[in-house]
mmCIF file of all heavy atoms, coordinates in Angstrom:
data_MODEL
# 
_entry.id   MODEL 
# 
loop_
_atom_site.group_PDB 
_atom_site.id 
_atom_site.type_symbol 
_atom_site.label_atom_id 
_atom_site.label_alt_id 
_atom_site.label_comp_id 
_atom_site.label_asym_id 
_atom_site.label_entity_id 
_atom_site.label_seq_id 
_atom_site.pdbx_PDB_ins_code 
_atom_site.Cartn_x 
_atom_site.Cartn_y 
_atom_site.Cartn_z 
_atom_site.occupancy 
_atom_site.B_iso_or_equiv 
_atom_site.pdbx_formal_charge 
_atom_site.auth_seq_id 
_atom_site.auth_comp_id 
_atom_site.auth_asym_id 
_atom_site.auth_atom_id 
_atom_site.pdbx_PDB_model_num 
ATOM 1   N N   . ALA A 1 1  ? -13.845 -5.484 3.868  1.00 0.00 ? 1  ALA A N   1 
ATOM 2   C CA  . ALA A 1 1  ? -14.379 -4.155 4.149  1.00 0.00 ? 1  ALA A CA  1 
ATOM 3   C C   . ALA A 1 1  ? -13.504 -3.370 5.115  1.00 0.00 ? 1  ALA A C   1 
ATOM 4   O O   . ALA A 1 1  ? -13.355 -2.151 4.986  1.00 0.00 ? 1  ALA A O   1 
ATOM 5   C CB  . ALA A 1 1  ? -15.793 -4.283 4.702  1.00 0.00 ? 1  ALA A CB  1 
ATOM 6   N N   . ASP A 1 2  ? -12.929 -4.061 6.099  1.00 0.00 ? 2  ASP A N   1 
ATOM 7   C CA  . ASP A 1 2  ? -12.045 -3.394 7.056  1.00 0.00 ? 2  ASP A CA  1 
ATOM 8   C C   . ASP A 1 2  ? -10.582 -3.770 6.811  1.00 0.00 ? 2  ASP A C   1 
ATOM 9   O O   . ASP A 1 2  ? -9.734  -3.641 7.698  1.00 0.00 ? 2  ASP A O   1 
ATOM 10  C CB  . ASP A 1 2  ? -12.435 -3.740 8.497  1.00 0.00 ? 2  ASP A CB  1 
ATOM 11  C CG  . ASP A 1 2  ? -12.356 -5.240 8.779  1.00 0.00 ? 2  ASP A CG  1 
ATOM 12  O OD1 . ASP A 1 2  ? -12.216 -6.024 7.807  1.00 0.00 ? 2  ASP A OD1 1 
ATOM 13  O OD2 . ASP A 1 2  ? -12.440 -5.632 9.947  1.00 0.00 ? 2  ASP A OD2 1 
ATOM 14  N N   . GLY A 1 3  ? -10.288 -4.257 5.601  1.00 0.00 ? 3  GLY A N   1 
ATOM 15  C CA  . GLY A 1 3  ? -8.928  -4.667 5.272  1.00 0.00 ? 3  GLY A CA  1 
ATOM 16  C C   . GLY A 1 3  ? -7.989  -3.481 5.106  1.00 0.00 ? 3  GLY A C   1 
ATOM 17  O O   . GLY A 1 3  ? -8.410  -2.338 4.927  1.00 0.00 ? 3  GLY A O   1 
ATOM 18  N N   . LEU A 1 4  ? -6.689  -3.781 5.145  1.00 0.00 ? 4  LEU A N   1 
ATOM 19  C CA  . LEU A 1 4  ? -5.668  -2.746 5.037  1.00 0.00 ? 4  LEU A CA  1 
ATOM 20  C C   . LEU A 1 4  ? -4.650  -3.108 3.972  1.00 0.00 ? 4  LEU A C   1 
ATOM 21  O O   . LEU A 1 4  ? -4.323  -4.283 3.770  1.00 0.00 ? 4  LEU A O   1 
ATOM 22  C CB  . LEU A 1 4  ? -4.933  -2.571 6.367  1.00 0.00 ? 4  LEU A CB  1 
ATOM 23  C CG  . LEU A 1 4  ? -5.743  -2.042 7.558  1.00 0.00 ? 4  LEU A CG  1 
ATOM 24  C CD1 . LEU A 1 4  ? -4.855  -2.011 8.791  1.00 0.00 ? 4  LEU A CD1 1 
ATOM 25  C CD2 . LEU A 1 4  ? -6.314  -0.673 7.265  1.00 0.00 ? 4  LEU A CD2 1 
ATOM 26  N N   . VAL A 1 5  ? -4.134  -2.078 3.313  1.00 0.00 ? 5  VAL A N   1 
ATOM 27  C CA  . VAL A 1 5  ? -3.000  -2.206 2.413  1.00 0.00 ? 5  VAL A CA  1 
ATOM 28  C C   . VAL A 1 5  ? -1.852  -1.421 3.034  1.00 0.00 ? 5  VAL A C   1 
ATOM 29  O O   . VAL A 1 5  ? -2.005  -0.252 3.393  1.00 0.00 ? 5  VAL A O   1 
ATOM 30  C CB  . VAL A 1 5  ? -3.315  -1.644 1.009  1.00 0.00 ? 5  VAL A CB  1 
ATOM 31  C CG1 . VAL A 1 5  ? -2.066  -1.695 0.119  1.00 0.00 ? 5  VAL A CG1 1 
ATOM 32  C CG2 . VAL A 1 5  ? -4.452  -2.428 0.365  1.00 0.00 ? 5  VAL A CG2 1 
ATOM 33  N N   . VAL A 1 6  ? -0.711  -2.074 3.189  1.00 0.00 ? 6  VAL A N   1 
ATOM 34  C CA  . VAL A 1 6  ? 0.475   -1.441 3.774  1.00 0.00 ? 6  VAL A CA  1 
ATOM 35  C C   . VAL A 1 6  ? 1.515   -1.290 2.674  1.00 0.00 ? 6  VAL A C   1 
ATOM 36  O O   . VAL A 1 6  ? 2.081   -2.268 2.193  1.00 0.00 ? 6  VAL A O   1 
ATOM 37  C CB  . VAL A 1 6  ? 1.040   -2.288 4.939  1.00 0.00 ? 6  VAL A CB  1 
ATOM 38  C CG1 . VAL A 1 6  ? 2.266   -1.597 5.552  1.00 0.00 ? 6  VAL A CG1 1 
ATOM 39  C CG2 . VAL A 1 6  ? -0.033  -2.527 5.997  1.00 0.00 ? 6  VAL A CG2 1 
ATOM 40  N N   . LEU A 1 7  ? 1.738   -0.036 2.268  1.00 0.00 ? 7  LEU A N   1 
ATOM 41  C CA  . LEU A 1 7  ? 2.631   0.269  1.151  1.00 0.00 ? 7  LEU A CA  1 
ATOM 42  C C   . LEU A 1 7  ? 3.908   0.899  1.683  1.00 0.00 ? 7  LEU A C   1 
ATOM 43  O O   . LEU A 1 7  ? 3.856   1.856  2.457  1.00 0.00 ? 7  LEU A O   1 
ATOM 44  C CB  . LEU A 1 7  ? 1.934   1.235  0.185  1.00 0.00 ? 7  LEU A CB  1 
ATOM 45  C CG  . LEU A 1 7  ? 2.777   1.860  -0.933 1.00 0.00 ? 7  LEU A CG  1 
ATOM 46  C CD1 . LEU A 1 7  ? 3.287   0.797  -1.898 1.00 0.00 ? 7  LEU A CD1 1 
ATOM 47  C CD2 . LEU A 1 7  ? 1.965   2.931  -1.664 1.00 0.00 ? 7  LEU A CD2 1 
ATOM 48  N N   . ARG A 1 8  ? 5.051   0.366  1.249  1.00 0.00 ? 8  ARG A N   1 
ATOM 49  C CA  . ARG A 1 8  ? 6.335   0.973  1.621  1.00 0.00 ? 8  ARG A CA  1 
ATOM 50  C C   . ARG A 1 8  ? 6.961   1.621  0.400  1.00 0.00 ? 8  ARG A C   1 
ATOM 51  O O   . ARG A 1 8  ? 7.029   1.015  -0.674 1.00 0.00 ? 8  ARG A O   1 
ATOM 52  C CB  . ARG A 1 8  ? 7.294   -0.068 2.203  1.00 0.00 ? 8  ARG A CB  1 
ATOM 53  C CG  . ARG A 1 8  ? 8.600   0.590  2.680  1.00 0.00 ? 8  ARG A CG  1 
ATOM 54  C CD  . ARG A 1 8  ? 9.461   -0.352 3.481  1.00 0.00 ? 8  ARG A CD  1 
ATOM 55  N NE  . ARG A 1 8  ? 10.041  -1.405 2.684  1.00 0.00 ? 8  ARG A NE  1 
ATOM 56  C CZ  . ARG A 1 8  ? 11.302  -1.848 2.828  1.00 0.00 ? 8  ARG A CZ  1 
ATOM 57  N NH1 . ARG A 1 8  ? 12.105  -1.308 3.729  1.00 0.00 ? 8  ARG A NH1 1 
ATOM 58  N NH2 . ARG A 1 8  ? 11.757  -2.837 2.098  1.00 0.00 ? 8  ARG A NH2 1 
ATOM 59  N N   . THR A 1 9  ? 7.433   2.852  0.564  1.00 0.00 ? 9  THR A N   1 
ATOM 60  C CA  . THR A 1 9  ? 8.076   3.591  -0.512 1.00 0.00 ? 9  THR A CA  1 
ATOM 61  C C   . THR A 1 9  ? 9.300   4.327  0.042  1.00 0.00 ? 9  THR A C   1 
ATOM 62  O O   . THR A 1 9  ? 9.424   4.492  1.270  1.00 0.00 ? 9  THR A O   1 
ATOM 63  C CB  . THR A 1 9  ? 7.130   4.638  -1.136 1.00 0.00 ? 9  THR A CB  1 
ATOM 64  O OG1 . THR A 1 9  ? 6.949   5.720  -0.201 1.00 0.00 ? 9  THR A OG1 1 
ATOM 65  C CG2 . THR A 1 9  ? 5.786   4.043  -1.502 1.00 0.00 ? 9  THR A CG2 1 
ATOM 66  N N   . PRO A 1 10 ? 10.183  4.803  -0.832 1.00 0.00 ? 10 PRO A N   1 
ATOM 67  C CA  . PRO A 1 10 ? 11.214  5.724  -0.353 1.00 0.00 ? 10 PRO A CA  1 
ATOM 68  C C   . PRO A 1 10 ? 10.558  6.978  0.219  1.00 0.00 ? 10 PRO A C   1 
ATOM 69  O O   . PRO A 1 10 ? 9.508   7.421  -0.266 1.00 0.00 ? 10 PRO A O   1 
ATOM 70  C CB  . PRO A 1 10 ? 12.026  6.048  -1.616 1.00 0.00 ? 10 PRO A CB  1 
ATOM 71  C CG  . PRO A 1 10 ? 11.716  4.944  -2.572 1.00 0.00 ? 10 PRO A CG  1 
ATOM 72  C CD  . PRO A 1 10 ? 10.320  4.527  -2.279 1.00 0.00 ? 10 PRO A CD  1 
ATOM 73  N N   . LYS A 1 11 ? 11.166  7.554  1.226  1.00 0.00 ? 11 LYS A N   1 
ATOM 74  C CA  . LYS A 1 11 ? 10.585  8.695  1.921  1.00 0.00 ? 11 LYS A CA  1 
ATOM 75  C C   . LYS A 1 11 ? 10.271  9.857  0.988  1.00 0.00 ? 11 LYS A C   1 
ATOM 76  O O   . LYS A 1 11 ? 9.262   10.543 1.145  1.00 0.00 ? 11 LYS A O   1 
ATOM 77  C CB  . LYS A 1 11 ? 11.545  9.144  3.031  1.00 0.00 ? 11 LYS A CB  1 
ATOM 78  C CG  . LYS A 1 11 ? 11.066  10.298 3.877  1.00 0.00 ? 11 LYS A CG  1 
ATOM 79  C CD  . LYS A 1 11 ? 12.076  10.599 4.969  1.00 0.00 ? 11 LYS A CD  1 
ATOM 80  C CE  . LYS A 1 11 ? 11.630  11.759 5.846  1.00 0.00 ? 11 LYS A CE  1 
ATOM 81  N NZ  . LYS A 1 11 ? 12.633  12.014 6.928  1.00 0.00 ? 11 LYS A NZ  1 
ATOM 82  N N   . ARG A 1 12 ? 11.130  10.088 -0.017 1.00 0.00 ? 12 ARG A N   1 
ATOM 83  C CA  . ARG A 1 12 ? 10.974  11.270 -0.862 1.00 0.00 ? 12 ARG A CA  1 
ATOM 84  C C   . ARG A 1 12 ? 10.053  11.056 -2.065 1.00 0.00 ? 12 ARG A C   1 
ATOM 85  O O   . ARG A 1 12 ? 9.856   11.983 -2.851 1.00 0.00 ? 12 ARG A O   1 
ATOM 86  C CB  . ARG A 1 12 ? 12.350  11.743 -1.336 1.00 0.00 ? 12 ARG A CB  1 
ATOM 87  C CG  . ARG A 1 12 ? 13.236  12.218 -0.185 1.00 0.00 ? 12 ARG A CG  1 
ATOM 88  C CD  . ARG A 1 12 ? 14.547  12.777 -0.681 1.00 0.00 ? 12 ARG A CD  1 
ATOM 89  N NE  . ARG A 1 12 ? 15.376  13.233 0.430  1.00 0.00 ? 12 ARG A NE  1 
ATOM 90  C CZ  . ARG A 1 12 ? 16.582  13.780 0.289  1.00 0.00 ? 12 ARG A CZ  1 
ATOM 91  N NH1 . ARG A 1 12 ? 17.084  13.942 -0.932 1.00 0.00 ? 12 ARG A NH1 1 
ATOM 92  N NH2 . ARG A 1 12 ? 17.262  14.164 1.352  1.00 0.00 ? 12 ARG A NH2 1 
ATOM 93  N N   . VAL A 1 13 ? 9.504   9.873  -2.211 1.00 0.00 ? 13 VAL A N   1 
ATOM 94  C CA  . VAL A 1 13 ? 8.541   9.636  -3.289 1.00 0.00 ? 13 VAL A CA  1 
ATOM 95  C C   . VAL A 1 13 ? 7.181   10.164 -2.850 1.00 0.00 ? 13 VAL A C   1 
ATOM 96  O O   . VAL A 1 13 ? 6.702   9.856  -1.751 1.00 0.00 ? 13 VAL A O   1 
ATOM 97  C CB  . VAL A 1 13 ? 8.452   8.134  -3.626 1.00 0.00 ? 13 VAL A CB  1 
ATOM 98  C CG1 . VAL A 1 13 ? 7.244   7.850  -4.509 1.00 0.00 ? 13 VAL A CG1 1 
ATOM 99  C CG2 . VAL A 1 13 ? 9.720   7.675  -4.329 1.00 0.00 ? 13 VAL A CG2 1 
ATOM 100 N N   . GLU A 1 14 ? 6.550   10.957 -3.682 1.00 0.00 ? 14 GLU A N   1 
ATOM 101 C CA  . GLU A 1 14 ? 5.232   11.504 -3.371 1.00 0.00 ? 14 GLU A CA  1 
ATOM 102 C C   . GLU A 1 14 ? 4.145   10.540 -3.851 1.00 0.00 ? 14 GLU A C   1 
ATOM 103 O O   . GLU A 1 14 ? 3.936   10.359 -5.041 1.00 0.00 ? 14 GLU A O   1 
ATOM 104 C CB  . GLU A 1 14 ? 5.056   12.868 -4.031 1.00 0.00 ? 14 GLU A CB  1 
ATOM 105 C CG  . GLU A 1 14 ? 5.959   13.954 -3.443 1.00 0.00 ? 14 GLU A CG  1 
ATOM 106 C CD  . GLU A 1 14 ? 5.624   15.334 -3.983 1.00 0.00 ? 14 GLU A CD  1 
ATOM 107 O OE1 . GLU A 1 14 ? 4.544   15.483 -4.598 1.00 0.00 ? 14 GLU A OE1 1 
ATOM 108 O OE2 . GLU A 1 14 ? 6.444   16.243 -3.791 1.00 0.00 ? 14 GLU A OE2 1 
ATOM 109 N N   . CYS A 1 15 ? 3.475   9.942  -2.901 1.00 0.00 ? 15 CYS A N   1 
ATOM 110 C CA  . CYS A 1 15 ? 2.404   8.987  -3.197 1.00 0.00 ? 15 CYS A CA  1 
ATOM 111 C C   . CYS A 1 15 ? 1.064   9.710  -3.137 1.00 0.00 ? 15 CYS A C   1 
ATOM 112 O O   . CYS A 1 15 ? 0.797   10.445 -2.177 1.00 0.00 ? 15 CYS A O   1 
ATOM 113 C CB  . CYS A 1 15 ? 2.434   7.849  -2.185 1.00 0.00 ? 15 CYS A CB  1 
ATOM 114 S SG  . CYS A 1 15 ? 1.062   6.690  -2.292 1.00 0.00 ? 15 CYS A SG  1 
ATOM 115 N N   . PRO A 1 16 ? 0.198   9.520  -4.138 1.00 0.00 ? 16 PRO A N   1 
ATOM 116 C CA  . PRO A 1 16 ? -1.138  10.132 -4.064 1.00 0.00 ? 16 PRO A CA  1 
ATOM 117 C C   . PRO A 1 16 ? -1.880  9.662  -2.812 1.00 0.00 ? 16 PRO A C   1 
ATOM 118 O O   . PRO A 1 16 ? -1.729  8.515  -2.382 1.00 0.00 ? 16 PRO A O   1 
ATOM 119 C CB  . PRO A 1 16 ? -1.825  9.619  -5.333 1.00 0.00 ? 16 PRO A CB  1 
ATOM 120 C CG  . PRO A 1 16 ? -0.707  9.265  -6.260 1.00 0.00 ? 16 PRO A CG  1 
ATOM 121 C CD  . PRO A 1 16 ? 0.403   8.769  -5.388 1.00 0.00 ? 16 PRO A CD  1 
ATOM 122 N N   . GLU A 1 17 ? -2.670  10.545 -2.224 1.00 0.00 ? 17 GLU A N   1 
ATOM 123 C CA  . GLU A 1 17 ? -3.404  10.182 -1.017 1.00 0.00 ? 17 GLU A CA  1 
ATOM 124 C C   . GLU A 1 17 ? -4.434  9.097  -1.282 1.00 0.00 ? 17 GLU A C   1 
ATOM 125 O O   . GLU A 1 17 ? -4.694  8.249  -0.433 1.00 0.00 ? 17 GLU A O   1 
ATOM 126 C CB  . GLU A 1 17 ? -4.088  11.418 -0.428 1.00 0.00 ? 17 GLU A CB  1 
ATOM 127 C CG  . GLU A 1 17 ? -4.796  11.152 0.880  1.00 0.00 ? 17 GLU A CG  1 
ATOM 128 C CD  . GLU A 1 17 ? -5.331  12.405 1.533  1.00 0.00 ? 17 GLU A CD  1 
ATOM 129 O OE1 . GLU A 1 17 ? -4.875  13.505 1.164  1.00 0.00 ? 17 GLU A OE1 1 
ATOM 130 O OE2 . GLU A 1 17 ? -6.209  12.279 2.414  1.00 0.00 ? 17 GLU A OE2 1 
ATOM 131 N N   . THR A 1 18 ? -5.014  9.119  -2.481 1.00 0.00 ? 18 THR A N   1 
ATOM 132 C CA  . THR A 1 18 ? -5.994  8.113  -2.872 1.00 0.00 ? 18 THR A CA  1 
ATOM 133 C C   . THR A 1 18 ? -5.453  7.337  -4.068 1.00 0.00 ? 18 THR A C   1 
ATOM 134 O O   . THR A 1 18 ? -5.004  7.920  -5.051 1.00 0.00 ? 18 THR A O   1 
ATOM 135 C CB  . THR A 1 18 ? -7.332  8.762  -3.239 1.00 0.00 ? 18 THR A CB  1 
ATOM 136 O OG1 . THR A 1 18 ? -7.857  9.426  -2.077 1.00 0.00 ? 18 THR A OG1 1 
ATOM 137 C CG2 . THR A 1 18 ? -8.331  7.720  -3.714 1.00 0.00 ? 18 THR A CG2 1 
ATOM 138 N N   . LEU A 1 19 ? -5.479  6.023  -3.939 1.00 0.00 ? 19 LEU A N   1 
ATOM 139 C CA  . LEU A 1 19 ? -5.018  5.141  -5.014 1.00 0.00 ? 19 LEU A CA  1 
ATOM 140 C C   . LEU A 1 19 ? -6.203  4.294  -5.454 1.00 0.00 ? 19 LEU A C   1 
ATOM 141 O O   . LEU A 1 19 ? -6.408  3.180  -4.961 1.00 0.00 ? 19 LEU A O   1 
ATOM 142 C CB  . LEU A 1 19 ? -3.858  4.269  -4.529 1.00 0.00 ? 19 LEU A CB  1 
ATOM 143 C CG  . LEU A 1 19 ? -2.561  5.025  -4.197 1.00 0.00 ? 19 LEU A CG  1 
ATOM 144 C CD1 . LEU A 1 19 ? -1.570  4.104  -3.496 1.00 0.00 ? 19 LEU A CD1 1 
ATOM 145 C CD2 . LEU A 1 19 ? -1.943  5.613  -5.457 1.00 0.00 ? 19 LEU A CD2 1 
ATOM 146 N N   . GLY A 1 20 ? -7.000  4.849  -6.350 1.00 0.00 ? 20 GLY A N   1 
ATOM 147 C CA  . GLY A 1 20 ? -8.198  4.135  -6.786 1.00 0.00 ? 20 GLY A CA  1 
ATOM 148 C C   . GLY A 1 20 ? -9.152  3.952  -5.623 1.00 0.00 ? 20 GLY A C   1 
ATOM 149 O O   . GLY A 1 20 ? -9.584  4.930  -5.004 1.00 0.00 ? 20 GLY A O   1 
ATOM 150 N N   . PRO A 1 21 ? -9.457  2.709  -5.259 1.00 0.00 ? 21 PRO A N   1 
ATOM 151 C CA  . PRO A 1 21 ? -10.455 2.459  -4.216 1.00 0.00 ? 21 PRO A CA  1 
ATOM 152 C C   . PRO A 1 21 ? -9.928  2.583  -2.791 1.00 0.00 ? 21 PRO A C   1 
ATOM 153 O O   . PRO A 1 21 ? -10.706 2.505  -1.843 1.00 0.00 ? 21 PRO A O   1 
ATOM 154 C CB  . PRO A 1 21 ? -10.882 1.012  -4.501 1.00 0.00 ? 21 PRO A CB  1 
ATOM 155 C CG  . PRO A 1 21 ? -9.652  0.395  -5.085 1.00 0.00 ? 21 PRO A CG  1 
ATOM 156 C CD  . PRO A 1 21 ? -9.004  1.481  -5.909 1.00 0.00 ? 21 PRO A CD  1 
ATOM 157 N N   . VAL A 1 22 ? -8.622  2.754  -2.619 1.00 0.00 ? 22 VAL A N   1 
ATOM 158 C CA  . VAL A 1 22 ? -8.064  2.833  -1.266 1.00 0.00 ? 22 VAL A CA  1 
ATOM 159 C C   . VAL A 1 22 ? -7.513  4.230  -1.002 1.00 0.00 ? 22 VAL A C   1 
ATOM 160 O O   . VAL A 1 22 ? -6.977  4.889  -1.894 1.00 0.00 ? 22 VAL A O   1 
ATOM 161 C CB  . VAL A 1 22 ? -6.982  1.762  -1.018 1.00 0.00 ? 22 VAL A CB  1 
ATOM 162 C CG1 . VAL A 1 22 ? -7.601  0.380  -1.030 1.00 0.00 ? 22 VAL A CG1 1 
ATOM 163 C CG2 . VAL A 1 22 ? -5.853  1.852  -2.034 1.00 0.00 ? 22 VAL A CG2 1 
ATOM 164 N N   . THR A 1 23 ? -7.652  4.640  0.257  1.00 0.00 ? 23 THR A N   1 
ATOM 165 C CA  . THR A 1 23 ? -7.257  5.981  0.674  1.00 0.00 ? 23 THR A CA  1 
ATOM 166 C C   . THR A 1 23 ? -6.312  5.894  1.862  1.00 0.00 ? 23 THR A C   1 
ATOM 167 O O   . THR A 1 23 ? -6.451  5.022  2.727  1.00 0.00 ? 23 THR A O   1 
ATOM 168 C CB  . THR A 1 23 ? -8.501  6.805  1.082  1.00 0.00 ? 23 THR A CB  1 
ATOM 169 O OG1 . THR A 1 23 ? -9.380  6.906  -0.047 1.00 0.00 ? 23 THR A OG1 1 
ATOM 170 C CG2 . THR A 1 23 ? -8.116  8.200  1.537  1.00 0.00 ? 23 THR A CG2 1 
ATOM 171 N N   . THR A 1 24 ? -5.363  6.816  1.924  1.00 0.00 ? 24 THR A N   1 
ATOM 172 C CA  . THR A 1 24 ? -4.391  6.845  3.010  1.00 0.00 ? 24 THR A CA  1 
ATOM 173 C C   . THR A 1 24 ? -5.064  7.129  4.348  1.00 0.00 ? 24 THR A C   1 
ATOM 174 O O   . THR A 1 24 ? -5.820  8.093  4.481  1.00 0.00 ? 24 THR A O   1 
ATOM 175 C CB  . THR A 1 24 ? -3.315  7.910  2.737  1.00 0.00 ? 24 THR A CB  1 
ATOM 176 O OG1 . THR A 1 24 ? -2.645  7.595  1.519  1.00 0.00 ? 24 THR A OG1 1 
ATOM 177 C CG2 . THR A 1 24 ? -2.309  7.962  3.872  1.00 0.00 ? 24 THR A CG2 1 
ATOM 178 N N   . LYS A 1 25 ? -4.786  6.282  5.333  1.00 0.00 ? 25 LYS A N   1 
ATOM 179 C CA  . LYS A 1 25 ? -5.272  6.474  6.696  1.00 0.00 ? 25 LYS A CA  1 
ATOM 180 C C   . LYS A 1 25 ? -4.186  7.043  7.596  1.00 0.00 ? 25 LYS A C   1 
ATOM 181 O O   . LYS A 1 25 ? -4.469  7.784  8.529  1.00 0.00 ? 25 LYS A O   1 
ATOM 182 C CB  . LYS A 1 25 ? -5.758  5.135  7.275  1.00 0.00 ? 25 LYS A CB  1 
ATOM 183 C CG  . LYS A 1 25 ? -6.804  4.415  6.435  1.00 0.00 ? 25 LYS A CG  1 
ATOM 184 C CD  . LYS A 1 25 ? -8.066  5.241  6.259  1.00 0.00 ? 25 LYS A CD  1 
ATOM 185 C CE  . LYS A 1 25 ? -9.109  4.485  5.445  1.00 0.00 ? 25 LYS A CE  1 
ATOM 186 N NZ  . LYS A 1 25 ? -10.341 5.294  5.240  1.00 0.00 ? 25 LYS A NZ  1 
ATOM 187 N N   . ARG A 1 26 ? -2.954  6.665  7.325  1.00 0.00 ? 26 ARG A N   1 
ATOM 188 C CA  . ARG A 1 26 ? -1.834  7.139  8.144  1.00 0.00 ? 26 ARG A CA  1 
ATOM 189 C C   . ARG A 1 26 ? -0.536  6.929  7.380  1.00 0.00 ? 26 ARG A C   1 
ATOM 190 O O   . ARG A 1 26 ? -0.379  5.932  6.676  1.00 0.00 ? 26 ARG A O   1 
ATOM 191 C CB  . ARG A 1 26 ? -1.779  6.368  9.470  1.00 0.00 ? 26 ARG A CB  1 
ATOM 192 C CG  . ARG A 1 26 ? -0.770  6.900  10.491 1.00 0.00 ? 26 ARG A CG  1 
ATOM 193 C CD  . ARG A 1 26 ? -1.260  8.176  11.139 1.00 0.00 ? 26 ARG A CD  1 
ATOM 194 N NE  . ARG A 1 26 ? -0.263  8.802  11.985 1.00 0.00 ? 26 ARG A NE  1 
ATOM 195 C CZ  . ARG A 1 26 ? -0.088  8.544  13.280 1.00 0.00 ? 26 ARG A CZ  1 
ATOM 196 N NH1 . ARG A 1 26 ? -0.822  7.632  13.880 1.00 0.00 ? 26 ARG A NH1 1 
ATOM 197 N NH2 . ARG A 1 26 ? 0.815   9.188  13.982 1.00 0.00 ? 26 ARG A NH2 1 
ATOM 198 N N   . THR A 1 27 ? 0.389   7.842  7.516  1.00 0.00 ? 27 THR A N   1 
ATOM 199 C CA  . THR A 1 27 ? 1.727   7.702  6.937  1.00 0.00 ? 27 THR A CA  1 
ATOM 200 C C   . THR A 1 27 ? 2.749   7.948  8.023  1.00 0.00 ? 27 THR A C   1 
ATOM 201 O O   . THR A 1 27 ? 2.638   8.913  8.793  1.00 0.00 ? 27 THR A O   1 
ATOM 202 C CB  . THR A 1 27 ? 1.952   8.706  5.788  1.00 0.00 ? 27 THR A CB  1 
ATOM 203 O OG1 . THR A 1 27 ? 0.997   8.473  4.756  1.00 0.00 ? 27 THR A OG1 1 
ATOM 204 C CG2 . THR A 1 27 ? 3.348   8.562  5.208  1.00 0.00 ? 27 THR A CG2 1 
ATOM 205 N N   . LYS A 1 28 ? 3.761   7.068  8.080  1.00 0.00 ? 28 LYS A N   1 
ATOM 206 C CA  . LYS A 1 28 ? 4.843   7.246  9.034  1.00 0.00 ? 28 LYS A CA  1 
ATOM 207 C C   . LYS A 1 28 ? 6.171   7.050  8.333  1.00 0.00 ? 28 LYS A C   1 
ATOM 208 O O   . LYS A 1 28 ? 6.292   6.264  7.397  1.00 0.00 ? 28 LYS A O   1 
ATOM 209 C CB  . LYS A 1 28 ? 4.706   6.260  10.208 1.00 0.00 ? 28 LYS A CB  1 
ATOM 210 C CG  . LYS A 1 28 ? 3.736   6.709  11.279 1.00 0.00 ? 28 LYS A CG  1 
ATOM 211 C CD  . LYS A 1 28 ? 4.237   7.969  11.969 1.00 0.00 ? 28 LYS A CD  1 
ATOM 212 C CE  . LYS A 1 28 ? 3.317   8.398  13.085 1.00 0.00 ? 28 LYS A CE  1 
ATOM 213 N NZ  . LYS A 1 28 ? 3.823   9.607  13.764 1.00 0.00 ? 28 LYS A NZ  1 
# 
């Protein structure tokens, strides 16, 4: 329930804010 997914991508790739059941909390 409080788990996290940490996704790494190239900086210029546009990732959707919501990926199915998970939502972006922070991007750096």
